[in-house]
Amino acid sequence: MSRKVQRRFNFTNRVRIPQSAVAFAVEEDGSGAVVARLLRLELPEDHPHDEAAWLAADVVMEAWRMSTASYFRKPVGSVKDLKAKATPLVEEALEGFDGAAGITFRLKLVDKADRRLLAEADKVGSDGDVPPADRSELIVVRPEDLGDLPWMIDWSEEDGSGPVVLVNRDMVDHANYLTHDAALAGAIVPQVFREVLFRLCLRDDLQHSPWGKKWIEHVSRFHGEPIPQLGGDIGQLNLADTWVRDAAVSFAAQHKLKDKTNDRLMAAAEAG
């Protein structure tokens, strides 16, 4: 039987910057703001791009945390600018983030003239970021062959490590499918929350699992009502539905998902 071979072409000569060449530190300041500092950026001397274009390229910093649908993006100077700076090379307050744990970064070098992506460092954590159990990531994402389905929640590990969001590996930039666009995050992340919380309502045993306890503790930070105890009575499903809906509304309000989604859609409309 013939086997489908997937080919990927790098027409822009994009350079992959290793994670070890980049270092971030994140902390909360005295006012509660989350501040990210770029401590190290070691760019390759040998690259396929014009040297003048390389030095003039914009360095764009992106930060995200999946479990709270938080996202931040900002150009932080040119390559030449950052090469001339002492540590920290960049220091930015991450608007829309509460807490310093579980934040992932991406750095992009973008050609100033034609906006081609010249280089990228992806999925960079922060130095010393070992979040406690109640602050670690809730949503685990994994690429998978899903046919024509863009994404789904996999429950095959519900009695162990918990639910996993599967993203179709044939999707463009599948690794960042749920984070690089605020409109997508605003549409998908609340639905993930609803499905996971409804499953917890139906399964008392899962509420006592490590991942279940983590989810319930996380929800308690923004939703005052405790999870309903149905006791196997499916006639009480309306209680679960109401609690899940209210928890999703509280989650969206805390993280301003409507505003983030509207801002993204307005920017797309103005650009088009």
Protein backbone atom coordinates (compact mmCIF):
# COMPACT_ATOMS: atom_id res chain seq x y z
CA MET A 1 0.00 0.00 0.00
CA SER A 2 1.41 3.37 -0.96
CA ARG A 3 2.17 5.74 1.88
CA LYS A 4 1.41 9.42 1.75
CA VAL A 5 4.58 11.47 2.12
CA GLN A 6 4.12 15.00 3.40
CA ARG A 7 6.61 17.49 2.03
CA ARG A 8 7.28 20.88 3.57
CA PHE A 9 9.17 23.54 1.64
CA ASN A 10 11.03 26.45 3.17
CA PHE A 11 10.83 28.93 0.32
CA THR A 12 11.75 31.91 2.53
CA ASN A 13 14.95 30.31 3.93
CA ARG A 14 13.54 30.75 7.41
CA VAL A 15 16.15 30.14 10.09
CA ARG A 16 15.24 28.04 13.11
CA ILE A 17 16.72 29.57 16.24
CA PRO A 18 17.26 26.84 18.87
CA GLN A 19 15.49 27.26 22.20
CA SER A 20 18.87 27.11 23.95
CA ALA A 21 19.87 30.35 22.20
CA VAL A 22 17.04 32.30 23.86
CA ALA A 23 16.38 32.95 27.55
CA PHE A 24 13.41 34.68 29.17
CA ALA A 25 12.69 35.47 32.80
CA VAL A 26 9.19 36.30 34.04
CA GLU A 27 8.12 37.74 37.37
CA GLU A 28 5.36 39.76 38.99
CA ASP A 29 6.37 43.26 40.11
CA GLY A 30 5.14 45.04 43.21
CA SER A 31 1.96 46.21 41.51
CA GLY A 32 1.01 42.70 40.33
CA ALA A 33 1.99 43.30 36.70
CA VAL A 34 3.65 40.38 34.90
CA VAL A 35 6.99 41.46 33.44
CA ALA A 36 8.97 39.47 30.86
CA ARG A 37 12.69 40.05 30.31
CA LEU A 38 14.68 38.75 27.36
CA LEU A 39 18.04 37.83 28.87
CA ARG A 40 19.75 36.15 25.94
CA LEU A 41 19.37 36.04 22.17
CA GLU A 42 22.18 34.29 20.31
CA LEU A 43 21.55 34.61 16.58
CA PRO A 44 23.51 32.52 14.06
CA GLU A 45 26.32 34.30 12.27
CA ASP A 46 25.89 32.04 9.25
CA HIS A 47 22.46 32.57 7.68
CA PRO A 48 21.10 32.75 4.09
CA HIS A 49 19.79 36.32 4.27
CA ASP A 50 21.25 39.64 3.17
CA GLU A 51 23.22 41.02 6.13
CA ALA A 52 21.72 44.50 5.94
CA ALA A 53 18.17 43.09 5.85
CA TRP A 54 19.05 40.75 8.72
CA LEU A 55 20.28 43.57 10.97
CA ALA A 56 17.30 45.78 10.10
CA ALA A 57 14.73 43.01 10.68
CA ASP A 58 12.06 43.62 13.33
CA VAL A 59 12.24 41.35 16.37
CA VAL A 60 8.69 40.45 17.39
CA MET A 61 8.01 38.94 20.81
CA GLU A 62 4.92 36.79 21.40
CA ALA A 63 3.81 35.32 24.73
CA TRP A 64 0.86 33.08 25.47
CA ARG A 65 -0.68 30.85 28.10
CA MET A 66 -3.20 28.36 26.78
CA SER A 67 -5.13 27.73 29.99
CA THR A 68 -6.17 31.38 30.31
CA ALA A 69 -6.33 32.24 26.59
CA SER A 70 -3.80 35.00 27.29
CA TYR A 71 -1.78 36.37 24.38
CA PHE A 72 0.66 39.25 23.93
CA ARG A 73 2.50 40.40 20.81
CA LYS A 74 4.82 43.36 20.33
CA PRO A 75 7.76 44.39 18.10
CA VAL A 76 10.64 45.07 20.47
CA GLY A 77 13.25 46.61 18.14
CA SER A 78 15.52 45.59 15.30
CA VAL A 79 18.21 42.94 15.39
CA LYS A 80 20.79 45.73 15.35
CA ASP A 81 19.05 47.45 18.29
CA LEU A 82 19.06 44.34 20.43
CA LYS A 83 22.66 43.43 19.58
CA ALA A 84 23.73 46.82 20.95
CA LYS A 85 21.90 46.40 24.28
CA ALA A 86 23.07 45.03 27.59
CA THR A 87 21.00 42.52 29.55
CA PRO A 88 18.04 42.61 29.69
CA LEU A 89 17.69 43.05 25.96
CA VAL A 90 13.92 43.53 26.31
CA GLU A 91 11.70 44.28 29.30
CA GLU A 92 7.94 44.29 28.73
CA ALA A 93 4.84 44.19 30.93
CA LEU A 94 2.60 41.41 29.58
CA GLU A 95 -0.88 42.92 29.45
CA GLY A 96 -3.68 40.43 30.02
CA PHE A 97 -1.63 37.96 32.08
CA ASP A 98 -2.25 37.16 35.73
CA GLY A 99 0.58 35.25 37.35
CA ALA A 100 4.02 34.47 35.96
CA ALA A 101 3.83 30.68 35.65
CA GLY A 102 3.19 28.63 32.54
CA ILE A 103 3.98 31.33 29.94
CA THR A 104 5.48 30.31 26.61
CA PHE A 105 7.33 32.62 24.23
CA ARG A 106 8.05 32.91 20.53
CA LEU A 107 10.54 35.29 18.88
CA LYS A 108 10.29 36.17 15.19
CA LEU A 109 12.67 38.10 12.94
CA VAL A 110 10.55 39.81 10.27
CA ASP A 111 11.98 41.52 7.19
CA LYS A 112 11.27 45.23 7.47
CA ALA A 113 10.67 45.66 3.73
CA ASP A 114 8.51 42.73 2.63
CA ARG A 115 7.51 41.28 6.06
CA ARG A 116 8.92 37.83 5.30
CA LEU A 117 9.65 35.66 8.31
CA LEU A 118 13.45 35.39 8.36
CA ALA A 119 13.97 33.47 11.58
CA GLU A 120 12.01 32.07 14.51
CA ALA A 121 12.50 30.63 17.98
CA ASP A 122 9.39 28.78 19.14
CA LYS A 123 8.02 27.32 22.39
CA VAL A 124 10.57 28.99 24.66
CA GLY A 125 9.87 28.79 28.39
CA SER A 126 11.17 31.10 31.07
CA ASP A 127 14.20 30.40 33.28
CA GLY A 128 13.22 28.88 36.59
CA ASP A 129 9.58 28.46 35.62
CA VAL A 130 8.55 25.32 37.44
CA PRO A 131 4.93 26.14 38.29
CA PRO A 132 3.25 24.47 41.25
CA ALA A 133 0.54 21.94 40.49
CA ASP A 134 -2.29 24.43 40.83
CA ARG A 135 -0.70 26.90 38.41
CA SER A 136 0.51 24.50 35.69
CA GLU A 137 -1.07 24.29 32.26
CA LEU A 138 -4.59 22.87 32.14
CA ILE A 139 -4.86 22.33 28.41
CA VAL A 140 -2.41 19.91 26.82
CA VAL A 141 -2.20 20.16 23.01
CA ARG A 142 -0.97 17.35 20.74
CA PRO A 143 -0.79 17.07 16.93
CA GLU A 144 -2.73 14.17 15.39
CA ASP A 145 -4.06 12.89 12.06
CA LEU A 146 -7.75 13.92 12.20
CA GLY A 147 -8.83 13.76 8.58
CA ASP A 148 -10.86 16.88 7.82
CA LEU A 149 -11.48 17.73 11.49
CA PRO A 150 -9.39 20.74 12.63
CA TRP A 151 -9.38 19.80 16.34
CA MET A 152 -11.05 17.65 18.99
CA ILE A 153 -10.78 16.69 22.65
CA ASP A 154 -9.37 13.22 23.33
CA TRP A 155 -10.65 11.47 26.47
CA SER A 156 -8.66 8.24 26.15
CA GLU A 157 -6.46 9.27 29.09
CA GLU A 158 -9.26 10.61 31.33
CA ASP A 159 -8.45 8.10 34.08
CA GLY A 160 -4.80 9.09 34.00
CA SER A 161 -3.25 12.34 32.82
CA GLY A 162 -6.56 13.89 31.72
CA PRO A 163 -8.05 15.36 28.52
CA VAL A 164 -5.88 16.33 25.55
CA VAL A 165 -6.74 18.77 22.77
CA LEU A 166 -5.78 17.13 19.48
CA VAL A 167 -5.00 19.50 16.60
CA ASN A 168 -4.87 18.28 13.02
CA ARG A 169 -1.20 18.02 12.06
CA ASP A 170 -2.10 19.01 8.46
CA MET A 171 -3.25 22.44 9.66
CA VAL A 172 -0.90 25.31 8.81
CA ASP A 173 1.18 26.11 11.91
CA HIS A 174 -0.69 23.40 13.81
CA ALA A 175 1.53 23.69 16.88
CA ASN A 176 0.24 27.22 17.49
CA TYR A 177 -3.31 26.74 16.19
CA LEU A 178 -4.99 27.66 19.47
CA THR A 179 -2.69 30.52 20.45
CA HIS A 180 -1.62 32.64 17.50
CA ASP A 181 -5.05 34.13 16.76
CA ALA A 182 -7.21 35.76 19.45
CA ALA A 183 -10.39 35.15 17.46
CA LEU A 184 -9.70 31.41 17.30
CA ALA A 185 -8.80 31.27 20.98
CA GLY A 186 -11.97 33.16 21.87
CA ALA A 187 -14.05 30.63 19.94
CA ILE A 188 -12.31 27.41 20.94
CA VAL A 189 -10.94 27.72 24.48
CA PRO A 190 -14.34 28.37 26.18
CA GLN A 191 -15.74 25.33 24.36
CA VAL A 192 -12.86 23.21 25.67
CA PHE A 193 -13.65 24.47 29.17
CA ARG A 194 -17.34 23.64 28.78
CA GLU A 195 -16.71 20.07 27.61
CA VAL A 196 -14.13 19.34 30.32
CA LEU A 197 -16.23 20.83 33.13
CA PHE A 198 -19.37 19.01 32.00
CA ARG A 199 -17.45 15.72 32.04
CA LEU A 200 -16.30 16.50 35.59
CA CYS A 201 -19.90 17.15 36.64
CA LEU A 202 -20.95 13.74 35.33
CA ARG A 203 -18.04 11.78 36.83
CA ASP A 204 -17.55 12.12 40.58
CA ASP A 205 -14.45 9.93 40.42
CA LEU A 206 -12.74 12.30 37.97
CA GLN A 207 -13.31 15.19 40.37
CA HIS A 208 -10.88 13.47 42.76
CA SER A 209 -8.22 12.75 40.14
CA PRO A 210 -5.11 14.99 40.11
CA TRP A 211 -6.11 16.68 36.85
CA GLY A 212 -9.74 17.03 37.96
CA LYS A 213 -8.74 18.68 41.23
CA LYS A 214 -6.52 21.07 39.27
CA TRP A 215 -9.37 22.09 36.97
CA ILE A 216 -11.85 22.58 39.82
CA GLU A 217 -9.33 24.64 41.81
CA HIS A 218 -8.66 26.79 38.75
CA VAL A 219 -12.38 27.42 38.18
CA SER A 220 -12.86 28.38 41.84
CA ARG A 221 -10.62 31.42 41.29
CA PHE A 222 -13.15 33.13 39.03
CA HIS A 223 -16.45 31.31 39.71
CA GLY A 224 -17.85 31.34 43.23
CA GLU A 225 -20.31 28.43 42.93
CA PRO A 226 -18.95 24.94 43.78
CA ILE A 227 -19.24 22.15 41.26
CA PRO A 228 -22.69 20.48 41.57
CA GLN A 229 -22.78 16.97 42.99
CA LEU A 230 -25.23 15.01 40.83
CA GLY A 231 -24.80 11.66 42.54
CA GLY A 232 -25.48 9.84 39.28
CA ASP A 233 -28.91 11.43 38.91
CA ILE A 234 -29.17 12.36 35.23
CA GLY A 235 -32.35 14.25 36.07
CA GLN A 236 -30.10 16.89 37.59
CA LEU A 237 -28.24 17.59 34.35
CA ASN A 238 -29.76 21.06 34.24
CA LEU A 239 -27.74 21.91 37.36
CA ALA A 240 -24.56 20.84 35.59
CA ASP A 241 -25.47 22.75 32.45
CA THR A 242 -26.14 25.94 34.42
CA TRP A 243 -22.92 25.65 36.43
CA VAL A 244 -20.79 24.97 33.34
CA ARG A 245 -22.38 27.85 31.42
CA ASP A 246 -21.84 30.30 34.30
CA ALA A 247 -18.25 29.12 34.76
CA ALA A 248 -17.54 29.66 31.04
CA VAL A 249 -19.08 33.15 31.19
CA SER A 250 -16.96 34.03 34.25
CA PHE A 251 -13.83 32.67 32.55
CA ALA A 252 -14.50 34.74 29.42
CA ALA A 253 -15.14 37.87 31.48
CA GLN A 254 -11.96 37.46 33.53
CA HIS A 255 -9.82 37.15 30.41
CA LYS A 256 -11.78 39.67 28.30
CA LEU A 257 -12.27 37.16 25.50
CA LYS A 258 -14.98 39.20 23.79
CA ASP A 259 -12.75 42.29 23.63
CA LYS A 260 -9.75 40.28 22.42
CA THR A 261 -11.81 38.59 19.74
CA ASN A 262 -13.41 41.87 18.61
CA ASP A 263 -10.03 43.59 18.45
CA ARG A 264 -8.67 40.79 16.25
CA LEU A 265 -11.70 40.78 13.96
CA MET A 266 -11.67 44.58 13.62
CA ALA A 267 -7.97 44.55 12.78
CA ALA A 268 -8.60 41.91 10.10
CA ALA A 269 -11.49 43.93 8.66
CA GLU A 270 -9.44 47.10 8.52
CA ALA A 271 -6.51 45.28 6.90
CA GLY A 272 -8.75 43.70 4.27
